[in-house]
C-alpha atoms as a PDB file:
ATOM      1  CA  MET A   1      -1.155  97.264  57.134  1.00  0.00           C
ATOM      2  CA  GLU A   2      -1.312  96.612  53.411  1.00  0.00           C
ATOM      3  CA  ARG A   3      -2.175  93.142  52.096  1.00  0.00           C
ATOM      4  CA  GLN A   4      -0.508  91.953  48.942  1.00  0.00           C
ATOM      5  CA  ARG A   5      -2.581  90.128  46.369  1.00  0.00           C
ATOM      6  CA  SER A   6      -1.393  86.648  45.585  1.00  0.00           C
ATOM      7  CA  ARG A   7      -0.311  85.810  42.068  1.00  0.00           C
ATOM      8  CA  VAL A   8      -2.938  84.363  39.757  1.00  0.00           C
ATOM      9  CA  LYS A   9      -2.500  80.651  39.049  1.00  0.00           C
ATOM     10  CA  THR A  10      -2.065  79.839  35.387  1.00  0.00           C
ATOM     11  CA  ARG A  11      -1.946  76.518  33.548  1.00  0.00           C
ATOM     12  CA  GLU A  12      -1.096  75.583  29.971  1.00  0.00           C
ATOM     13  CA  GLY A  13      -2.959  72.766  28.271  1.00  0.00           C
ATOM     14  CA  VAL A  14      -4.779  71.472  25.216  1.00  0.00           C
ATOM     15  CA  VAL A  15      -8.485  71.996  24.447  1.00  0.00           C
ATOM     16  CA  VAL A  16     -10.193  68.587  24.365  1.00  0.00           C
ATOM     17  CA  SER A  17     -13.805  69.785  23.971  1.00  0.00           C
ATOM     18  CA  SER A  18     -15.466  72.974  22.790  1.00  0.00           C
ATOM     19  CA  ALA A  19     -19.036  71.702  22.408  1.00  0.00           C
ATOM     20  CA  MET A  20     -20.497  73.944  25.122  1.00  0.00           C
ATOM     21  CA  ASP A  21     -21.388  77.611  24.664  1.00  0.00           C
ATOM     22  CA  LYS A  22     -18.646  79.916  26.035  1.00  0.00           C
ATOM     23  CA  THR A  23     -16.922  76.969  27.777  1.00  0.00           C
ATOM     24  CA  VAL A  24     -13.981  74.777  26.823  1.00  0.00           C
ATOM     25  CA  VAL A  25     -12.503  71.728  28.510  1.00  0.00           C
ATOM     26  CA  VAL A  26      -8.724  72.001  28.860  1.00  0.00           C
ATOM     27  CA  ALA A  27      -6.533  68.980  29.653  1.00  0.00           C
ATOM     28  CA  VAL A  28      -3.402  69.944  31.593  1.00  0.00           C
ATOM     29  CA  LYS A  29      -0.622  67.354  31.837  1.00  0.00           C
ATOM     30  CA  ARG A  30       2.009  67.253  34.585  1.00  0.00           C
ATOM     31  CA  THR A  31       4.594  64.732  35.710  1.00  0.00           C
ATOM     32  CA  VAL A  32       4.613  63.350  39.248  1.00  0.00           C
ATOM     33  CA  GLN A  33       6.949  60.901  40.895  1.00  0.00           C
ATOM     34  CA  HIS A  34       5.463  57.723  42.358  1.00  0.00           C
ATOM     35  CA  PRO A  35       6.028  57.743  46.139  1.00  0.00           C
ATOM     36  CA  ARG A  36       7.258  54.146  46.386  1.00  0.00           C
ATOM     37  CA  TYR A  37       8.616  53.201  42.973  1.00  0.00           C
ATOM     38  CA  HIS A  38      10.050  56.647  42.091  1.00  0.00           C
ATOM     39  CA  LYS A  39       8.922  56.315  38.480  1.00  0.00           C
ATOM     40  CA  TYR A  40       7.736  59.492  36.783  1.00  0.00           C
ATOM     41  CA  LEU A  41       4.104  59.334  35.642  1.00  0.00           C
ATOM     42  CA  THR A  42       2.162  61.711  33.411  1.00  0.00           C
ATOM     43  CA  VAL A  43      -1.060  62.794  35.114  1.00  0.00           C
ATOM     44  CA  SER A  44      -3.779  64.695  33.254  1.00  0.00           C
ATOM     45  CA  THR A  45      -6.372  67.002  34.846  1.00  0.00           C
ATOM     46  CA  LYS A  46      -9.360  68.484  33.023  1.00  0.00           C
ATOM     47  CA  TYR A  47     -10.425  72.056  33.772  1.00  0.00           C
ATOM     48  CA  LEU A  48     -13.570  73.851  32.565  1.00  0.00           C
ATOM     49  CA  ALA A  49     -12.582  77.309  31.340  1.00  0.00           C
ATOM     50  CA  HIS A  50     -14.645  80.311  30.256  1.00  0.00           C
ATOM     51  CA  ASP A  51     -14.177  81.255  26.577  1.00  0.00           C
ATOM     52  CA  GLU A  52     -16.171  84.479  26.157  1.00  0.00           C
ATOM     53  CA  ARG A  53     -15.883  84.735  22.354  1.00  0.00           C
ATOM     54  CA  ASN A  54     -16.035  80.996  21.533  1.00  0.00           C
ATOM     55  CA  GLU A  55     -12.681  81.327  19.749  1.00  0.00           C
ATOM     56  CA  CYS A  56     -11.109  78.010  20.811  1.00  0.00           C
ATOM     57  CA  SER A  57     -11.410  74.715  19.003  1.00  0.00           C
ATOM     58  CA  VAL A  58     -10.274  71.179  19.791  1.00  0.00           C
ATOM     59  CA  GLY A  59      -6.505  70.782  19.684  1.00  0.00           C
ATOM     60  CA  ASP A  60      -5.589  74.402  20.461  1.00  0.00           C
ATOM     61  CA  ARG A  61      -2.821  74.946  23.052  1.00  0.00           C
ATOM     62  CA  VAL A  62      -4.079  77.573  25.527  1.00  0.00           C
ATOM     63  CA  VAL A  63      -3.203  79.337  28.779  1.00  0.00           C
ATOM     64  CA  ILE A  64      -5.942  79.516  31.428  1.00  0.00           C
ATOM     65  CA  ALA A  65      -5.990  81.603  34.616  1.00  0.00           C
ATOM     66  CA  GLU A  66      -7.805  80.970  37.886  1.00  0.00           C
ATOM     67  CA  THR A  67     -10.762  83.243  38.633  1.00  0.00           C
ATOM     68  CA  ARG A  68     -13.850  83.477  40.819  1.00  0.00           C
ATOM     69  CA  PRO A  69     -16.441  80.683  40.498  1.00  0.00           C
ATOM     70  CA  LEU A  70     -18.429  81.203  37.295  1.00  0.00           C
ATOM     71  CA  SER A  71     -20.595  78.077  37.627  1.00  0.00           C
ATOM     72  CA  LYS A  72     -20.601  74.793  39.525  1.00  0.00           C
ATOM     73  CA  ARG A  73     -17.348  73.475  37.988  1.00  0.00           C
ATOM     74  CA  LYS A  74     -16.009  76.467  36.046  1.00  0.00           C
ATOM     75  CA  ARG A  75     -13.294  78.376  37.938  1.00  0.00           C
ATOM     76  CA  TRP A  76     -10.859  79.218  35.117  1.00  0.00           C
ATOM     77  CA  ARG A  77     -10.835  81.782  32.282  1.00  0.00           C
ATOM     78  CA  LEU A  78      -9.130  81.609  28.918  1.00  0.00           C
ATOM     79  CA  ARG A  79      -6.134  83.960  29.020  1.00  0.00           C
ATOM     80  CA  SER A  80      -4.579  83.362  25.601  1.00  0.00           C
ATOM     81  CA  ILE A  81      -4.248  80.942  22.722  1.00  0.00           C
ATOM     82  CA  VAL A  82      -0.615  79.885  22.426  1.00  0.00           C
ATOM     83  CA  GLU A  83      -0.921  77.741  19.303  1.00  0.00           C
ATOM     84  CA  ARG A  84      -3.795  76.930  16.976  1.00  0.00           C
ATOM     85  CA  ALA A  85      -4.486  73.316  16.042  1.00  0.00           C
ATOM     86  CA  VAL A  86      -3.505  72.214  12.552  1.00  0.00           C
ATOM     87  CA  ARG A  87      -6.625  71.679  10.490  1.00  0.00           C
ATOM     88  CA  ASP A  88      -6.522  69.213   7.600  1.00  0.00           C
ATOM     89  CA  LEU A  89      -9.029  70.589   5.127  1.00  0.00           C
ATOM     90  CA  PRO A  90      -9.894  68.522   2.038  1.00  0.00           C
ATOM     91  CA  GLU A  91      -8.793  69.878  -1.336  1.00  0.00           C
ATOM     92  CA  VAL A  92     -11.400  71.357  -3.683  1.00  0.00           C
ATOM     93  CA  GLY A  93     -13.252  68.512  -5.415  1.00  0.00           C
ATOM     94  CA  GLU A  94     -11.897  65.882  -3.011  1.00  0.00           C
ATOM     95  CA  VAL A  95     -14.389  63.757  -1.089  1.00  0.00           C
ATOM     96  CA  GLY A  96     -13.534  63.518   2.592  1.00  0.00           C
END
């Protein structure tokens, strides 16, 4: 009897912190309906994801995939960067 592997869970979110070495914090937003009042709420969950090459920065939109436990709280890996954050760099000679 052959067992099929389950599909890998993926999430899309925005990098909110990249201060750690090879780790980024990704905020994933989803909408849920309140059980009693039936209003739709936006709920955010933060995931720690492994970024092997330290290529992400704050504001980047990324896709993360579930993986084996890499540390106490890190169970996701960076799969791809969907969109880079817009960086406002000061003009030459301008004081920021």
